[in-house]
Protein backbone atom coordinates (compact mmCIF):
# COMPACT_ATOMS: atom_id res chain seq x y z
CA UNK A 1 174.67 160.48 110.42
CA UNK A 2 171.38 161.21 111.24
CA UNK A 3 170.12 161.45 107.93
CA UNK A 4 170.25 157.98 107.17
CA UNK A 5 168.53 156.59 110.60
CA UNK A 6 165.60 158.82 109.59
CA UNK A 7 165.57 157.33 106.32
CA UNK A 8 165.82 153.87 107.37
CA UNK A 9 163.13 154.94 109.91
CA UNK A 10 160.67 156.50 107.09
CA UNK A 11 161.67 153.11 105.12
CA UNK A 12 160.25 150.83 107.70
CA UNK A 13 157.63 152.99 108.45
CA UNK A 14 156.20 153.10 104.79
CA UNK A 15 156.63 149.53 104.47
CA UNK A 16 154.62 149.22 107.16
CA UNK A 17 152.02 151.69 105.95
CA UNK A 18 152.20 149.51 102.44
CA UNK A 19 151.72 146.52 104.23
CA UNK A 20 148.96 148.01 106.51
CA UNK A 21 147.22 149.34 103.16
CA UNK A 22 147.40 145.88 101.70
CA UNK A 23 146.08 144.16 104.56
CA UNK A 24 143.31 146.90 105.22
CA UNK A 25 142.18 145.87 101.36
CA UNK A 26 142.33 142.61 101.59
CA UNK A 27 140.12 142.60 104.94
CA UNK A 28 137.97 144.91 103.21
CA UNK A 29 137.41 142.18 100.22
CA UNK A 30 137.07 139.38 102.51
CA UNK A 31 134.48 141.89 104.78
CA UNK A 32 132.27 142.48 101.31
CA UNK A 33 132.59 138.57 100.05
CA UNK A 34 131.34 137.75 103.42
CA UNK A 35 128.46 140.49 103.32
CA UNK A 36 127.74 138.82 100.26
CA UNK A 37 127.82 135.36 101.43
CA UNK A 38 125.65 135.99 104.73
CA UNK A 39 123.14 137.83 102.16
CA UNK A 40 122.94 135.15 99.95
CA UNK A 41 122.66 132.87 103.43
CA UNK A 42 119.76 135.04 104.36
CA UNK A 43 118.18 134.62 101.33
CA UNK A 44 118.49 131.16 101.29
CA UNK A 45 116.71 131.27 104.67
CA UNK A 46 113.83 133.13 103.61
CA UNK A 47 113.30 130.64 101.11
CA UNK A 48 113.57 127.55 102.89
CA UNK A 49 111.48 128.98 105.62
CA UNK A 50 109.07 129.79 102.85
CA UNK A 51 109.35 126.22 101.70
CA UNK A 52 109.10 125.06 105.05
CA UNK A 53 105.76 126.93 105.50
CA UNK A 54 104.57 125.34 101.91
CA UNK A 55 105.79 122.01 102.62
CA UNK A 56 103.59 122.05 105.98
CA UNK A 57 100.71 123.29 104.19
CA UNK A 58 100.95 120.47 101.82
CA UNK A 59 101.93 117.78 104.32
CA UNK A 60 98.67 118.84 106.33
CA UNK A 61 96.51 118.66 103.02
CA UNK A 62 98.14 115.45 102.35
CA UNK A 63 96.76 113.84 106.33
CA UNK A 64 93.64 115.58 105.69
CA UNK A 65 93.28 113.64 102.18
CA UNK A 66 95.40 110.29 103.91
CA UNK A 67 92.29 110.55 106.51
CA UNK A 68 89.56 110.96 103.70
CA UNK A 69 91.01 108.23 102.61
CA UNK A 70 91.13 105.94 105.20
CA UNK A 71 87.14 106.70 105.74
CA UNK A 72 86.41 105.55 102.75
CA UNK A 73 88.47 102.59 102.63
CA UNK A 74 86.41 102.19 105.81
CA UNK A 75 83.40 102.70 104.20
CA UNK A 76 84.14 100.35 101.17
CA UNK A 77 85.48 97.65 103.64
CA UNK A 78 81.76 98.25 105.01
CA UNK A 79 80.13 97.99 101.78
CA UNK A 80 82.18 94.80 101.05
CA UNK A 81 81.12 93.26 104.50
CA UNK A 82 77.48 93.54 103.70
CA UNK A 83 77.73 92.72 99.79
CA UNK A 84 79.93 89.53 101.18
CA UNK A 85 76.34 88.89 103.35
CA UNK A 86 74.36 89.69 100.59
CA UNK A 87 76.44 87.42 98.41
CA UNK A 88 76.07 84.66 101.36
CA UNK A 89 72.35 85.39 101.37
CA UNK A 90 71.59 84.78 97.62
CA UNK A 91 74.27 81.46 97.54
CA UNK A 92 71.64 80.33 100.33
CA UNK A 93 68.24 81.88 98.18
CA UNK A 94 70.02 80.52 95.05
CA UNK A 95 70.37 76.87 96.79
CA UNK A 96 66.72 77.20 98.26
CA UNK A 97 65.45 78.00 94.38
CA UNK A 98 67.60 74.58 93.09
CA UNK A 99 65.76 72.53 95.89
CA UNK A 100 62.47 74.82 94.87
CA UNK A 101 63.14 73.88 91.45
CA UNK A 102 64.47 70.44 92.16
CA UNK A 103 60.93 70.08 93.96
CA UNK A 104 58.80 71.43 91.12
CA UNK A 105 60.85 69.30 88.57
CA UNK A 106 59.66 66.05 90.85
CA UNK A 107 56.49 67.17 90.98
CA UNK A 108 56.37 68.31 87.24
CA UNK A 109 57.64 64.26 86.75
CA UNK A 110 54.55 63.11 88.87
CA UNK A 111 52.01 65.73 87.06
CA UNK A 112 53.11 63.97 83.89
CA UNK A 113 52.91 60.57 85.24
CA UNK A 114 49.51 61.57 86.72
CA UNK A 115 48.05 63.25 83.15
CA UNK A 116 49.04 60.07 81.72
CA UNK A 117 47.47 58.24 84.07
CA UNK A 118 44.49 60.21 84.19
CA UNK A 119 44.43 61.88 80.62
CA UNK A 120 45.43 65.19 82.19
CA UNK A 121 46.20 67.54 79.13
CA UNK A 122 49.63 67.62 78.06
CA UNK A 123 49.32 71.16 77.04
CA UNK A 124 48.54 72.48 81.00
CA UNK A 125 51.95 70.27 81.72
CA UNK A 126 54.07 71.84 79.11
CA UNK A 127 52.56 75.50 80.00
CA UNK A 128 53.55 74.77 83.95
CA UNK A 129 57.07 73.56 82.86
CA UNK A 130 57.80 77.08 80.62
CA UNK A 131 56.75 78.89 83.33
CA UNK A 132 58.71 77.30 85.84
CA UNK A 133 62.01 77.05 83.15
CA UNK A 134 61.17 81.06 82.71
CA UNK A 135 61.44 81.10 86.58
CA UNK A 136 64.39 80.03 86.76
CA UNK A 137 65.88 81.66 83.93
CA UNK A 138 64.59 84.84 85.96
CA UNK A 139 66.47 83.89 89.27
CA UNK A 140 69.84 83.03 87.42
CA UNK A 141 69.70 86.01 85.10
CA UNK A 142 69.39 88.00 88.64
CA UNK A 143 72.03 86.24 90.33
CA UNK A 144 74.49 86.72 87.16
CA UNK A 145 73.25 90.66 87.71
CA UNK A 146 74.65 90.33 91.22
CA UNK A 147 77.50 88.64 90.90
CA UNK A 148 78.72 90.65 88.23
CA UNK A 149 78.17 93.82 90.44
CA UNK A 150 79.72 92.24 93.40
CA UNK A 151 83.24 92.07 90.95
CA UNK A 152 83.10 95.45 89.87
CA UNK A 153 83.24 96.59 93.59
CA UNK A 154 85.86 94.31 94.35
CA UNK A 155 87.88 96.06 91.28
CA UNK A 156 87.26 99.50 92.56
CA UNK A 157 88.33 98.36 96.13
CA UNK A 158 91.41 97.28 94.64
CA UNK A 159 91.77 100.23 92.93
CA UNK A 160 91.17 102.14 95.96
CA UNK A 161 93.70 100.15 97.76
CA UNK A 162 96.41 100.94 95.07
CA UNK A 163 95.29 104.54 95.33
CA UNK A 164 96.12 104.43 98.93
CA UNK A 165 99.38 102.65 99.13
CA UNK A 166 100.38 105.09 96.50
CA UNK A 167 99.07 108.17 98.23
CA UNK A 168 100.80 106.46 101.58
CA UNK A 169 104.13 106.16 99.23
CA UNK A 170 103.89 109.86 98.35
CA UNK A 171 103.59 111.21 101.79
CA UNK A 172 106.36 109.37 103.15
CA UNK A 173 108.47 110.99 100.43
CA UNK A 174 107.56 114.36 100.83
CA UNK A 175 107.83 113.49 104.87
CA UNK A 176 111.71 112.60 104.23
CA UNK A 177 112.09 115.51 101.58
CA UNK A 178 111.42 117.97 104.48
CA UNK A 179 113.30 116.23 106.99
């Protein structure tokens, strides 16, 4: 009878031992798995830290570029203002030149009338007329050149504004990615 009791006790102990070994094996596997996960997470953390540092440097560079572009825009706006002022002055000069030309034309007409009445040489009046027309053509050419230069500066400013908008959008996108 005692052998049966001992045998039953041994069976219980063996089952408990087997169960403990099984559970210990499972726990070891879980611990190994956890170690791998922790190692991966630490690597990911290191990579993210490096990316964050890199992104911080990149953001600082973008901020500097943005500041430089803002400075360029301010400079361009100042140039545009100056050109607009110059254009206004040129328009005033053009109007003045038109008045002068008109006066010259009036004077020329009078000279022709005087030439007819005073027998002044038609050759002299023709020469005066050619000289005045050359002056007018030269002034028109100068005005055309200035208008062309102003149009080019306007196109350059529009292009700068588009670039600034794109960089601003890029900055926001990068800031959102970092966040």
